């Protein structure tokens, strides 16, 4: 009888210990971008439910989220600092809004007219990150966060409120972009305007500018086709220049089994940003064809635009090298890895 009592007590202690070790984990997650932007939508519809499902199926822990999208907690320009300071635990953002803190991370944007395939863009970026540890380590070393995933965008084209066929048709027109891609306009003689997708519809509608360098998902999902009824397939390239990060202290406090699952889900999310953008591109262009005028620019105009930018990457490399960053190495890696993955540049940039 005494042995049974002792066994029962031990079992009760074991159950109590197991319950005590189980954690209800609440994570604040968000982006300055709205869910209509593909990666933000994937954060909500893939990353969050997949993390919750796997953690709760494979551990004793539960995951809950406090969501802050569309700039409801941090604006597009505040996500890096928001994660650093713990205002949110996990954030998704574009490096375009961090030209001072992450000046090299937009390296694909420094080489426009690259591959339009988001999966190939992501693969190139992954290979470059693997060879240049700084690109990953800087988040932990300087900004108190861990890089969870790189994020690919759909291929960039040009949406406008007017029709055009040649670079000369764009002279004197105001065209919006974000960060470094404004230079695609500037060096081609077009008037660039810094903006963000959070304000794009209103600003297009009120003629703050007449166009946007933009992927088709935003032209459809954010209804930019209404003020911009012309979408021109010029093929600036698919850029992997967003990131998903987690506050370093938050990450350290997570149970080890949850950390492992988090990294696993983040890796799958990373691949999703490439595959979903790739699979959606043609469908979304077809949607636009039903709503507005969609024109494919001639290869000659595309090459002429690329040639107008030929000296720009070297200018950037010189500036970043002078700041102690491995810009020449990174940009040449991008050029080489793109070619190794089957891409032929319309203009083969030269960086020393």
C-alpha atoms as a PDB file:
ATOM      1  CA  UNK A   1       0.000   0.000   0.000  1.00  0.00           C
ATOM      2  CA  UNK A   2       2.862   2.333   0.875  1.00  0.00           C
ATOM      3  CA  UNK A   3       4.534   1.599  -2.488  1.00  0.00           C
ATOM      4  CA  UNK A   4       1.307   2.446  -4.325  1.00  0.00           C
ATOM      5  CA  UNK A   5       1.017   5.701  -2.410  1.00  0.00           C
ATOM      6  CA  UNK A   6       4.615   6.579  -3.218  1.00  0.00           C
ATOM      7  CA  UNK A   7       4.059   5.716  -6.895  1.00  0.00           C
ATOM      8  CA  UNK A   8       0.932   7.854  -7.010  1.00  0.00           C
ATOM      9  CA  UNK A   9       2.781  10.745  -5.386  1.00  0.00           C
ATOM     10  CA  UNK A  10       5.634  10.424  -7.862  1.00  0.00           C
ATOM     11  CA  UNK A  11       3.185  10.418 -10.777  1.00  0.00           C
ATOM     12  CA  UNK A  12       1.425  13.500  -9.423  1.00  0.00           C
ATOM     13  CA  UNK A  13       4.778  15.268  -8.997  1.00  0.00           C
ATOM     14  CA  UNK A  14       5.718  14.344 -12.581  1.00  0.00           C
ATOM     15  CA  UNK A  15       2.439  15.722 -13.959  1.00  0.00           C
ATOM     16  CA  UNK A  16       2.797  18.879 -11.858  1.00  0.00           C
ATOM     17  CA  UNK A  17       6.370  19.364 -13.075  1.00  0.00           C
ATOM     18  CA  UNK A  18       5.313  18.887 -16.704  1.00  0.00           C
ATOM     19  CA  UNK A  19       2.523  21.450 -16.426  1.00  0.00           C
ATOM     20  CA  UNK A  20       4.825  23.892 -14.679  1.00  0.00           C
ATOM     21  CA  UNK A  21       7.398  23.623 -17.480  1.00  0.00           C
ATOM     22  CA  UNK A  22       4.826  24.241 -20.203  1.00  0.00           C
ATOM     23  CA  UNK A  23       4.755  27.878 -21.288  1.00  0.00           C
ATOM     24  CA  UNK A  24       2.083  30.043 -22.834  1.00  0.00           C
ATOM     25  CA  UNK A  25       4.138  32.187 -25.182  1.00  0.00           C
ATOM     26  CA  UNK A  26       2.815  35.467 -26.535  1.00  0.00           C
ATOM     27  CA  UNK A  27       4.698  37.118 -29.380  1.00  0.00           C
ATOM     28  CA  UNK A  28       4.080  40.606 -30.746  1.00  0.00           C
ATOM     29  CA  UNK A  29       4.501  40.400 -34.500  1.00  0.00           C
ATOM     30  CA  UNK A  30       4.045  42.942 -37.223  1.00  0.00           C
ATOM     31  CA  UNK A  31       5.143  45.008 -40.174  1.00  0.00           C
ATOM     32  CA  UNK A  32       4.655  48.515 -41.440  1.00  0.00           C
ATOM     33  CA  UNK A  33       3.257  46.971 -44.627  1.00  0.00           C
ATOM     34  CA  UNK A  34      -0.360  45.829 -45.018  1.00  0.00           C
ATOM     35  CA  UNK A  35      -1.356  42.168 -45.534  1.00  0.00           C
ATOM     36  CA  UNK A  36      -1.914  42.894 -49.238  1.00  0.00           C
ATOM     37  CA  UNK A  37       1.875  42.920 -49.645  1.00  0.00           C
ATOM     38  CA  UNK A  38       2.754  39.263 -50.263  1.00  0.00           C
ATOM     39  CA  UNK A  39       5.341  38.773 -47.508  1.00  0.00           C
ATOM     40  CA  UNK A  40       3.115  40.434 -44.872  1.00  0.00           C
ATOM     41  CA  UNK A  41       0.223  38.254 -45.969  1.00  0.00           C
ATOM     42  CA  UNK A  42       2.476  35.196 -45.658  1.00  0.00           C
ATOM     43  CA  UNK A  43       3.469  36.258 -42.147  1.00  0.00           C
ATOM     44  CA  UNK A  44      -0.214  36.192 -41.187  1.00  0.00           C
ATOM     45  CA  UNK A  45      -1.420  33.247 -43.247  1.00  0.00           C
ATOM     46  CA  UNK A  46       1.637  30.977 -43.182  1.00  0.00           C
ATOM     47  CA  UNK A  47       4.307  31.864 -40.629  1.00  0.00           C
ATOM     48  CA  UNK A  48       2.000  32.503 -37.646  1.00  0.00           C
ATOM     49  CA  UNK A  49      -0.375  29.518 -38.005  1.00  0.00           C
ATOM     50  CA  UNK A  50       2.453  27.163 -38.992  1.00  0.00           C
ATOM     51  CA  UNK A  51       4.543  28.141 -35.971  1.00  0.00           C
ATOM     52  CA  UNK A  52       1.554  27.775 -33.654  1.00  0.00           C
ATOM     53  CA  UNK A  53       0.575  24.407 -35.156  1.00  0.00           C
ATOM     54  CA  UNK A  54       4.039  22.857 -34.991  1.00  0.00           C
ATOM     55  CA  UNK A  55       4.866  24.144 -31.510  1.00  0.00           C
ATOM     56  CA  UNK A  56       1.575  22.945 -30.045  1.00  0.00           C
ATOM     57  CA  UNK A  57       1.776  19.576 -31.822  1.00  0.00           C
ATOM     58  CA  UNK A  58       5.361  18.826 -30.817  1.00  0.00           C
ATOM     59  CA  UNK A  59       5.774  20.492 -27.405  1.00  0.00           C
ATOM     60  CA  UNK A  60       3.789  21.261 -24.265  1.00  0.00           C
ATOM     61  CA  UNK A  61       3.876  24.986 -25.096  1.00  0.00           C
ATOM     62  CA  UNK A  62       1.254  27.204 -26.684  1.00  0.00           C
ATOM     63  CA  UNK A  63       1.826  30.202 -28.958  1.00  0.00           C
ATOM     64  CA  UNK A  64      -0.330  33.319 -29.182  1.00  0.00           C
ATOM     65  CA  UNK A  65       0.233  36.400 -31.301  1.00  0.00           C
ATOM     66  CA  UNK A  66      -0.469  40.089 -30.874  1.00  0.00           C
ATOM     67  CA  UNK A  67      -0.580  41.414 -34.432  1.00  0.00           C
ATOM     68  CA  UNK A  68       0.564  44.822 -35.601  1.00  0.00           C
ATOM     69  CA  UNK A  69       0.386  45.128 -39.371  1.00  0.00           C
ATOM     70  CA  UNK A  70      -0.195  48.143 -41.649  1.00  0.00           C
ATOM     71  CA  UNK A  71       1.918  50.293 -39.334  1.00  0.00           C
ATOM     72  CA  UNK A  72      -0.445  49.858 -36.375  1.00  0.00           C
ATOM     73  CA  UNK A  73       2.504  49.365 -33.970  1.00  0.00           C
ATOM     74  CA  UNK A  74       5.569  50.321 -36.052  1.00  0.00           C
ATOM     75  CA  UNK A  75       5.695  52.146 -39.369  1.00  0.00           C
ATOM     76  CA  UNK A  76       7.714  50.848 -42.339  1.00  0.00           C
ATOM     77  CA  UNK A  77      10.692  52.969 -41.262  1.00  0.00           C
ATOM     78  CA  UNK A  78      10.552  51.805 -37.636  1.00  0.00           C
ATOM     79  CA  UNK A  79      10.580  47.998 -37.741  1.00  0.00           C
ATOM     80  CA  UNK A  80      14.321  47.415 -37.287  1.00  0.00           C
ATOM     81  CA  UNK A  81      14.409  49.713 -34.270  1.00  0.00           C
ATOM     82  CA  UNK A  82      11.069  48.366 -33.030  1.00  0.00           C
ATOM     83  CA  UNK A  83      12.447  44.823 -32.893  1.00  0.00           C
ATOM     84  CA  UNK A  84      15.738  46.067 -31.437  1.00  0.00           C
ATOM     85  CA  UNK A  85      13.944  47.819 -28.569  1.00  0.00           C
ATOM     86  CA  UNK A  86      11.389  45.053 -27.990  1.00  0.00           C
ATOM     87  CA  UNK A  87       8.387  47.111 -29.076  1.00  0.00           C
ATOM     88  CA  UNK A  88       7.584  44.084 -31.214  1.00  0.00           C
ATOM     89  CA  UNK A  89       9.184  40.654 -30.904  1.00  0.00           C
ATOM     90  CA  UNK A  90       9.134  39.670 -34.585  1.00  0.00           C
ATOM     91  CA  UNK A  91       9.116  42.104 -37.495  1.00  0.00           C
ATOM     92  CA  UNK A  92       9.140  41.992 -41.266  1.00  0.00           C
ATOM     93  CA  UNK A  93      10.552  44.942 -43.178  1.00  0.00           C
ATOM     94  CA  UNK A  94      12.292  46.232 -46.281  1.00  0.00           C
ATOM     95  CA  UNK A  95      15.982  47.093 -46.097  1.00  0.00           C
ATOM     96  CA  UNK A  96      15.104  50.016 -48.357  1.00  0.00           C
ATOM     97  CA  UNK A  97      14.040  51.916 -45.239  1.00  0.00           C
ATOM     98  CA  UNK A  98      17.378  51.348 -43.482  1.00  0.00           C
ATOM     99  CA  UNK A  99      19.961  52.976 -45.782  1.00  0.00           C
ATOM    100  CA  UNK A 100      22.147  54.022 -42.835  1.00  0.00           C
ATOM    101  CA  UNK A 101      21.883  50.892 -40.701  1.00  0.00           C
ATOM    102  CA  UNK A 102      21.885  48.254 -43.460  1.00  0.00           C
ATOM    103  CA  UNK A 103      23.404  49.976 -46.504  1.00  0.00           C
ATOM    104  CA  UNK A 104      24.734  46.792 -48.120  1.00  0.00           C
ATOM    105  CA  UNK A 105      21.717  44.524 -47.603  1.00  0.00           C
ATOM    106  CA  UNK A 106      19.874  45.925 -50.626  1.00  0.00           C
ATOM    107  CA  UNK A 107      22.665  44.549 -52.825  1.00  0.00           C
ATOM    108  CA  UNK A 108      20.370  43.145 -55.521  1.00  0.00           C
ATOM    109  CA  UNK A 109      18.795  46.571 -55.986  1.00  0.00           C
ATOM    110  CA  UNK A 110      22.288  47.886 -56.743  1.00  0.00           C
ATOM    111  CA  UNK A 111      22.293  45.599 -59.808  1.00  0.00           C
ATOM    112  CA  UNK A 112      18.977  46.302 -61.580  1.00  0.00           C
ATOM    113  CA  UNK A 113      17.609  44.287 -64.496  1.00  0.00           C
ATOM    114  CA  UNK A 114      18.470  41.021 -62.808  1.00  0.00           C
ATOM    115  CA  UNK A 115      16.354  37.867 -62.791  1.00  0.00           C
ATOM    116  CA  UNK A 116      12.585  38.310 -62.590  1.00  0.00           C
ATOM    117  CA  UNK A 117      12.250  34.869 -60.963  1.00  0.00           C
ATOM    118  CA  UNK A 118      11.732  35.299 -57.174  1.00  0.00           C
ATOM    119  CA  UNK A 119      12.909  31.752 -56.463  1.00  0.00           C
ATOM    120  CA  UNK A 120      16.127  32.364 -58.372  1.00  0.00           C
ATOM    121  CA  UNK A 121      16.542  35.769 -56.695  1.00  0.00           C
ATOM    122  CA  UNK A 122      16.176  34.121 -53.285  1.00  0.00           C
ATOM    123  CA  UNK A 123      18.639  31.364 -54.179  1.00  0.00           C
ATOM    124  CA  UNK A 124      21.230  33.930 -55.288  1.00  0.00           C
ATOM    125  CA  UNK A 125      20.742  35.875 -52.040  1.00  0.00           C
ATOM    126  CA  UNK A 126      21.047  32.711 -49.943  1.00  0.00           C
ATOM    127  CA  UNK A 127      24.330  31.853 -51.644  1.00  0.00           C
ATOM    128  CA  UNK A 128      25.699  35.359 -51.110  1.00  0.00           C
ATOM    129  CA  UNK A 129      24.691  35.368 -47.417  1.00  0.00           C
ATOM    130  CA  UNK A 130      26.383  31.968 -47.009  1.00  0.00           C
ATOM    131  CA  UNK A 131      29.688  33.399 -48.251  1.00  0.00           C
ATOM    132  CA  UNK A 132      29.521  36.734 -46.422  1.00  0.00           C
ATOM    133  CA  UNK A 133      28.744  36.139 -42.697  1.00  0.00           C
ATOM    134  CA  UNK A 134      28.554  39.889 -42.010  1.00  0.00           C
ATOM    135  CA  UNK A 135      25.154  40.024 -43.734  1.00  0.00           C
ATOM    136  CA  UNK A 136      23.662  37.750 -41.066  1.00  0.00           C
ATOM    137  CA  UNK A 137      25.843  38.584 -38.077  1.00  0.00           C
ATOM    138  CA  UNK A 138      25.241  42.347 -38.148  1.00  0.00           C
ATOM    139  CA  UNK A 139      21.669  41.903 -36.913  1.00  0.00           C
ATOM    140  CA  UNK A 140      22.858  40.252 -33.711  1.00  0.00           C
ATOM    141  CA  UNK A 141      26.059  42.260 -33.321  1.00  0.00           C
ATOM    142  CA  UNK A 142      24.565  45.726 -33.786  1.00  0.00           C
ATOM    143  CA  UNK A 143      20.775  45.554 -33.577  1.00  0.00           C
ATOM    144  CA  UNK A 144      19.933  43.062 -30.789  1.00  0.00           C
ATOM    145  CA  UNK A 145      18.036  40.705 -33.082  1.00  0.00           C
ATOM    146  CA  UNK A 146      18.338  37.455 -34.963  1.00  0.00           C
ATOM    147  CA  UNK A 147      17.709  37.228 -38.707  1.00  0.00           C
ATOM    148  CA  UNK A 148      15.078  34.538 -39.176  1.00  0.00           C
ATOM    149  CA  UNK A 149      14.414  34.741 -42.907  1.00  0.00           C
ATOM    150  CA  UNK A 150      15.309  36.566 -46.066  1.00  0.00           C
ATOM    151  CA  UNK A 151      12.278  37.648 -48.075  1.00  0.00           C
ATOM    152  CA  UNK A 152      11.990  37.721 -51.864  1.00  0.00           C
ATOM    153  CA  UNK A 153       9.741  40.129 -53.739  1.00  0.00           C
ATOM    154  CA  UNK A 154       7.919  39.583 -56.989  1.00  0.00           C
ATOM    155  CA  UNK A 155       9.525  41.018 -60.109  1.00  0.00           C
ATOM    156  CA  UNK A 156       9.485  44.824 -60.318  1.00  0.00           C
ATOM    157  CA  UNK A 157       7.913  46.639 -63.273  1.00  0.00           C
ATOM    158  CA  UNK A 158       6.548  50.147 -63.719  1.00  0.00           C
ATOM    159  CA  UNK A 159       2.928  51.156 -63.117  1.00  0.00           C
ATOM    160  CA  UNK A 160       1.837  54.611 -64.266  1.00  0.00           C
ATOM    161  CA  UNK A 161      -1.139  56.888 -64.825  1.00  0.00           C
ATOM    162  CA  UNK A 162      -0.045  57.407 -68.441  1.00  0.00           C
ATOM    163  CA  UNK A 163       1.121  55.263 -71.363  1.00  0.00           C
ATOM    164  CA  UNK A 164       4.778  55.186 -72.360  1.00  0.00           C
ATOM    165  CA  UNK A 165       7.024  53.244 -74.737  1.00  0.00           C
ATOM    166  CA  UNK A 166      10.444  54.856 -74.464  1.00  0.00           C
ATOM    167  CA  UNK A 167      12.619  56.469 -71.798  1.00  0.00           C
ATOM    168  CA  UNK A 168      12.005  59.845 -73.395  1.00  0.00           C
ATOM    169  CA  UNK A 169       8.287  59.489 -72.572  1.00  0.00           C
ATOM    170  CA  UNK A 170       9.180  59.453 -68.854  1.00  0.00           C
ATOM    171  CA  UNK A 171      11.148  62.697 -68.829  1.00  0.00           C
ATOM    172  CA  UNK A 172       9.541  65.242 -66.518  1.00  0.00           C
ATOM    173  CA  UNK A 173       7.233  62.653 -64.930  1.00  0.00           C
ATOM    174  CA  UNK A 174       7.349  62.021 -61.190  1.00  0.00           C
ATOM    175  CA  UNK A 175       7.753  58.334 -60.365  1.00  0.00           C
ATOM    176  CA  UNK A 176       7.808  56.866 -56.853  1.00  0.00           C
ATOM    177  CA  UNK A 177      10.055  54.243 -55.366  1.00  0.00           C
ATOM    178  CA  UNK A 178      11.642  53.315 -52.054  1.00  0.00           C
ATOM    179  CA  UNK A 179      15.275  53.706 -51.144  1.00  0.00           C
ATOM    180  CA  UNK A 180      17.931  52.710 -53.644  1.00  0.00           C
ATOM    181  CA  UNK A 181      15.574  51.942 -56.514  1.00  0.00           C
ATOM    182  CA  UNK A 182      14.968  55.673 -56.818  1.00  0.00           C
ATOM    183  CA  UNK A 183      18.372  55.693 -58.505  1.00  0.00           C
ATOM    184  CA  UNK A 184      17.001  53.540 -61.329  1.00  0.00           C
ATOM    185  CA  UNK A 185      14.936  56.619 -62.147  1.00  0.00           C
ATOM    186  CA  UNK A 186      17.447  59.337 -61.329  1.00  0.00           C
ATOM    187  CA  UNK A 187      20.252  57.967 -63.514  1.00  0.00           C
ATOM    188  CA  UNK A 188      17.812  57.432 -66.369  1.00  0.00           C
ATOM    189  CA  UNK A 189      16.707  61.079 -66.220  1.00  0.00           C
ATOM    190  CA  UNK A 190      13.320  60.471 -64.556  1.00  0.00           C
ATOM    191  CA  UNK A 191      12.157  62.468 -61.498  1.00  0.00           C
ATOM    192  CA  UNK A 192      12.211  60.168 -58.420  1.00  0.00           C
ATOM    193  CA  UNK A 193       9.910  60.544 -55.392  1.00  0.00           C
ATOM    194  CA  UNK A 194      10.487  58.656 -52.121  1.00  0.00           C
ATOM    195  CA  UNK A 195       7.304  57.008 -50.846  1.00  0.00           C
ATOM    196  CA  UNK A 196       5.921  53.827 -49.270  1.00  0.00           C
ATOM    197  CA  UNK A 197       3.077  51.457 -50.051  1.00  0.00           C
ATOM    198  CA  UNK A 198       1.202  52.617 -46.963  1.00  0.00           C
ATOM    199  CA  UNK A 199       0.448  55.929 -48.716  1.00  0.00           C
ATOM    200  CA  UNK A 200       0.752  54.881 -52.372  1.00  0.00           C
ATOM    201  CA  UNK A 201      -2.931  54.771 -53.327  1.00  0.00           C
ATOM    202  CA  UNK A 202      -3.774  58.203 -51.950  1.00  0.00           C
ATOM    203  CA  UNK A 203      -0.650  59.794 -53.379  1.00  0.00           C
ATOM    204  CA  UNK A 204      -1.241  58.306 -56.823  1.00  0.00           C
ATOM    205  CA  UNK A 205      -4.873  59.396 -56.655  1.00  0.00           C
ATOM    206  CA  UNK A 206      -3.935  62.984 -55.771  1.00  0.00           C
ATOM    207  CA  UNK A 207      -1.125  63.204 -58.361  1.00  0.00           C
ATOM    208  CA  UNK A 208       1.723  63.523 -55.879  1.00  0.00           C
ATOM    209  CA  UNK A 209       3.427  61.337 -58.486  1.00  0.00           C
ATOM    210  CA  UNK A 210       2.374  59.615 -61.711  1.00  0.00           C
ATOM    211  CA  UNK A 211       3.822  56.144 -61.247  1.00  0.00           C
ATOM    212  CA  UNK A 212       5.539  53.550 -59.077  1.00  0.00           C
ATOM    213  CA  UNK A 213       8.325  51.020 -59.497  1.00  0.00           C
ATOM    214  CA  UNK A 214       6.261  48.089 -58.296  1.00  0.00           C
ATOM    215  CA  UNK A 215       5.580  44.352 -58.473  1.00  0.00           C
ATOM    216  CA  UNK A 216       2.155  43.239 -59.799  1.00  0.00           C
ATOM    217  CA  UNK A 217       0.858  41.953 -56.452  1.00  0.00           C
ATOM    218  CA  UNK A 218       0.717  45.488 -55.051  1.00  0.00           C
ATOM    219  CA  UNK A 219      -0.824  46.851 -58.256  1.00  0.00           C
ATOM    220  CA  UNK A 220      -3.643  44.325 -57.809  1.00  0.00           C
ATOM    221  CA  UNK A 221      -4.010  43.850 -54.050  1.00  0.00           C
ATOM    222  CA  UNK A 222      -3.628  47.517 -53.090  1.00  0.00           C
ATOM    223  CA  UNK A 223      -5.780  48.601 -56.069  1.00  0.00           C
ATOM    224  CA  UNK A 224      -3.054  50.823 -57.471  1.00  0.00           C
ATOM    225  CA  UNK A 225      -4.442  49.947 -60.893  1.00  0.00           C
ATOM    226  CA  UNK A 226      -7.282  52.406 -60.216  1.00  0.00           C
ATOM    227  CA  UNK A 227      -5.132  55.569 -60.205  1.00  0.00           C
ATOM    228  CA  UNK A 228      -2.513  53.814 -62.378  1.00  0.00           C
ATOM    229  CA  UNK A 229      -4.254  52.183 -65.376  1.00  0.00           C
ATOM    230  CA  UNK A 230      -1.004  51.436 -67.259  1.00  0.00           C
ATOM    231  CA  UNK A 231       1.354  48.640 -66.197  1.00  0.00           C
ATOM    232  CA  UNK A 232       4.545  48.190 -68.204  1.00  0.00           C
ATOM    233  CA  UNK A 233       6.519  44.937 -68.049  1.00  0.00           C
ATOM    234  CA  UNK A 234      10.074  46.239 -68.129  1.00  0.00           C
ATOM    235  CA  UNK A 235      11.676  43.673 -65.812  1.00  0.00           C
ATOM    236  CA  UNK A 236      13.742  45.578 -63.278  1.00  0.00           C
ATOM    237  CA  UNK A 237      14.219  42.294 -61.434  1.00  0.00           C
ATOM    238  CA  UNK A 238      13.009  40.381 -58.405  1.00  0.00           C
ATOM    239  CA  UNK A 239      14.762  41.642 -55.284  1.00  0.00           C
ATOM    240  CA  UNK A 240      15.444  39.758 -52.061  1.00  0.00           C
ATOM    241  CA  UNK A 241      15.743  42.839 -49.888  1.00  0.00           C
ATOM    242  CA  UNK A 242      13.367  42.280 -46.987  1.00  0.00           C
ATOM    243  CA  UNK A 243      14.008  40.436 -43.758  1.00  0.00           C
ATOM    244  CA  UNK A 244      12.140  38.775 -40.882  1.00  0.00           C
ATOM    245  CA  UNK A 245      13.857  39.198 -37.511  1.00  0.00           C
ATOM    246  CA  UNK A 246      13.227  38.427 -33.844  1.00  0.00           C
ATOM    247  CA  UNK A 247      14.413  40.359 -30.811  1.00  0.00           C
ATOM    248  CA  UNK A 248      17.530  38.639 -29.454  1.00  0.00           C
ATOM    249  CA  UNK A 249      16.336  38.689 -25.839  1.00  0.00           C
ATOM    250  CA  UNK A 250      12.952  37.281 -26.814  1.00  0.00           C
ATOM    251  CA  UNK A 251      14.664  34.520 -28.757  1.00  0.00           C
ATOM    252  CA  UNK A 252      16.938  33.663 -25.809  1.00  0.00           C
ATOM    253  CA  UNK A 253      13.928  33.362 -23.492  1.00  0.00           C
ATOM    254  CA  UNK A 254      12.153  30.838 -25.721  1.00  0.00           C
ATOM    255  CA  UNK A 255      12.437  27.167 -24.721  1.00  0.00           C
ATOM    256  CA  UNK A 256      15.024  25.334 -26.817  1.00  0.00           C
ATOM    257  CA  UNK A 257      12.441  23.125 -28.489  1.00  0.00           C
ATOM    258  CA  UNK A 258      10.481  26.228 -29.540  1.00  0.00           C
ATOM    259  CA  UNK A 259      13.638  27.918 -30.833  1.00  0.00           C
ATOM    260  CA  UNK A 260      14.307  24.895 -33.043  1.00  0.00           C
ATOM    261  CA  UNK A 261      10.779  24.915 -34.463  1.00  0.00           C
ATOM    262  CA  UNK A 262      10.883  28.695 -34.943  1.00  0.00           C
ATOM    263  CA  UNK A 263      14.010  28.434 -37.118  1.00  0.00           C
ATOM    264  CA  UNK A 264      12.482  25.544 -39.044  1.00  0.00           C
ATOM    265  CA  UNK A 265       9.262  27.453 -39.787  1.00  0.00           C
ATOM    266  CA  UNK A 266      11.223  30.597 -40.659  1.00  0.00           C
ATOM    267  CA  UNK A 267      13.267  28.635 -43.226  1.00  0.00           C
ATOM    268  CA  UNK A 268      10.048  27.324 -44.775  1.00  0.00           C
ATOM    269  CA  UNK A 269       8.562  30.833 -44.756  1.00  0.00           C
ATOM    270  CA  UNK A 270      11.676  32.096 -46.538  1.00  0.00           C
ATOM    271  CA  UNK A 271      11.150  29.566 -49.328  1.00  0.00           C
ATOM    272  CA  UNK A 272       7.469  30.476 -49.476  1.00  0.00           C
ATOM    273  CA  UNK A 273       8.301  34.102 -50.244  1.00  0.00           C
ATOM    274  CA  UNK A 274      10.091  32.905 -53.359  1.00  0.00           C
ATOM    275  CA  UNK A 275       7.658  30.218 -54.509  1.00  0.00           C
ATOM    276  CA  UNK A 276       4.451  32.149 -53.808  1.00  0.00           C
ATOM    277  CA  UNK A 277       5.694  35.275 -55.552  1.00  0.00           C
ATOM    278  CA  UNK A 278       6.853  33.146 -58.489  1.00  0.00           C
ATOM    279  CA  UNK A 279       3.568  31.263 -58.836  1.00  0.00           C
ATOM    280  CA  UNK A 280       1.466  34.404 -58.431  1.00  0.00           C
ATOM    281  CA  UNK A 281       3.326  36.624 -60.907  1.00  0.00           C
ATOM    282  CA  UNK A 282       1.700  35.419 -64.154  1.00  0.00           C
ATOM    283  CA  UNK A 283      -1.738  35.153 -62.550  1.00  0.00           C
ATOM    284  CA  UNK A 284      -1.579  38.711 -61.235  1.00  0.00           C
ATOM    285  CA  UNK A 285      -0.368  40.081 -64.563  1.00  0.00           C
ATOM    286  CA  UNK A 286      -3.372  38.331 -66.171  1.00  0.00           C
ATOM    287  CA  UNK A 287      -5.648  39.956 -63.583  1.00  0.00           C
ATOM    288  CA  UNK A 288      -4.204  43.327 -64.550  1.00  0.00           C
ATOM    289  CA  UNK A 289      -4.724  42.585 -68.242  1.00  0.00           C
ATOM    290  CA  UNK A 290      -8.448  42.250 -67.528  1.00  0.00           C
ATOM    291  CA  UNK A 291      -8.573  45.569 -65.688  1.00  0.00           C
ATOM    292  CA  UNK A 292      -6.062  47.934 -67.314  1.00  0.00           C
ATOM    293  CA  UNK A 293      -3.569  48.303 -70.138  1.00  0.00           C
ATOM    294  CA  UNK A 294      -0.541  45.992 -69.775  1.00  0.00           C
ATOM    295  CA  UNK A 295       2.360  46.591 -72.155  1.00  0.00           C
ATOM    296  CA  UNK A 296       5.646  44.677 -72.523  1.00  0.00           C
ATOM    297  CA  UNK A 297       8.542  47.007 -73.226  1.00  0.00           C
ATOM    298  CA  UNK A 298      10.941  46.195 -76.052  1.00  0.00           C
ATOM    299  CA  UNK A 299      14.262  44.496 -75.195  1.00  0.00           C
ATOM    300  CA  UNK A 300      16.044  47.472 -76.766  1.00  0.00           C
ATOM    301  CA  UNK A 301      14.431  49.953 -74.340  1.00  0.00           C
ATOM    302  CA  UNK A 302      15.195  47.643 -71.398  1.00  0.00           C
ATOM    303  CA  UNK A 303      18.838  47.355 -72.445  1.00  0.00           C
ATOM    304  CA  UNK A 304      19.098  51.121 -72.993  1.00  0.00           C
ATOM    305  CA  UNK A 305      17.781  51.730 -69.478  1.00  0.00           C
ATOM    306  CA  UNK A 306      20.271  49.217 -68.057  1.00  0.00           C
ATOM    307  CA  UNK A 307      23.098  50.896 -69.953  1.00  0.00           C
ATOM    308  CA  UNK A 308      22.139  54.267 -68.464  1.00  0.00           C
ATOM    309  CA  UNK A 309      22.816  52.721 -65.032  1.00  0.00           C
ATOM    310  CA  UNK A 310      26.034  50.901 -65.949  1.00  0.00           C
ATOM    311  CA  UNK A 311      28.375  53.135 -63.904  1.00  0.00           C
ATOM    312  CA  UNK A 312      26.122  53.376 -60.830  1.00  0.00           C
ATOM    313  CA  UNK A 313      27.041  50.047 -59.098  1.00  0.00           C
ATOM    314  CA  UNK A 314      30.726  51.011 -59.050  1.00  0.00           C
ATOM    315  CA  UNK A 315      29.837  54.357 -57.444  1.00  0.00           C
ATOM    316  CA  UNK A 316      27.943  52.505 -54.711  1.00  0.00           C
ATOM    317  CA  UNK A 317      30.729  49.978 -54.232  1.00  0.00           C
ATOM    318  CA  UNK A 318      33.329  52.730 -53.813  1.00  0.00           C
ATOM    319  CA  UNK A 319      31.204  54.471 -51.188  1.00  0.00           C
ATOM    320  CA  UNK A 320      30.457  51.298 -49.214  1.00  0.00           C
ATOM    321  CA  UNK A 321      34.006  49.966 -49.459  1.00  0.00           C
ATOM    322  CA  UNK A 322      35.208  53.244 -47.953  1.00  0.00           C
ATOM    323  CA  UNK A 323      32.932  52.549 -44.973  1.00  0.00           C
ATOM    324  CA  UNK A 324      34.606  49.192 -44.395  1.00  0.00           C
ATOM    325  CA  UNK A 325      31.841  47.083 -45.953  1.00  0.00           C
ATOM    326  CA  UNK A 326      32.590  44.218 -48.383  1.00  0.00           C
ATOM    327  CA  UNK A 327      30.650  45.789 -51.250  1.00  0.00           C
ATOM    328  CA  UNK A 328      32.890  44.750 -54.145  1.00  0.00           C
ATOM    329  CA  UNK A 329      32.884  41.162 -52.906  1.00  0.00           C
ATOM    330  CA  UNK A 330      29.102  41.075 -52.456  1.00  0.00           C
ATOM    331  CA  UNK A 331      28.203  42.695 -55.782  1.00  0.00           C
ATOM    332  CA  UNK A 332      30.544  40.463 -57.762  1.00  0.00           C
ATOM    333  CA  UNK A 333      29.124  37.444 -55.952  1.00  0.00           C
ATOM    334  CA  UNK A 334      25.607  38.486 -57.000  1.00  0.00           C
ATOM    335  CA  UNK A 335      26.674  38.834 -60.635  1.00  0.00           C
ATOM    336  CA  UNK A 336      28.479  35.478 -60.596  1.00  0.00           C
ATOM    337  CA  UNK A 337      25.783  33.550 -58.710  1.00  0.00           C
ATOM    338  CA  UNK A 338      23.041  34.876 -60.974  1.00  0.00           C
ATOM    339  CA  UNK A 339      24.950  33.623 -64.006  1.00  0.00           C
ATOM    340  CA  UNK A 340      25.694  30.297 -62.290  1.00  0.00           C
ATOM    341  CA  UNK A 341      21.932  29.956 -61.784  1.00  0.00           C
ATOM    342  CA  UNK A 342      21.273  30.502 -65.480  1.00  0.00           C
ATOM    343  CA  UNK A 343      20.656  34.241 -65.739  1.00  0.00           C
ATOM    344  CA  UNK A 344      22.133  36.402 -68.505  1.00  0.00           C
ATOM    345  CA  UNK A 345      22.490  40.104 -67.646  1.00  0.00           C
ATOM    346  CA  UNK A 346      21.382  42.602 -70.344  1.00  0.00           C
ATOM    347  CA  UNK A 347      24.371  44.685 -69.237  1.00  0.00           C
ATOM    348  CA  UNK A 348      27.165  42.896 -67.334  1.00  0.00           C
ATOM    349  CA  UNK A 349      28.075  45.441 -64.644  1.00  0.00           C
ATOM    350  CA  UNK A 350      31.768  45.728 -63.810  1.00  0.00           C
ATOM    351  CA  UNK A 351      32.748  46.327 -60.188  1.00  0.00           C
ATOM    352  CA  UNK A 352      36.347  46.631 -58.970  1.00  0.00           C
END
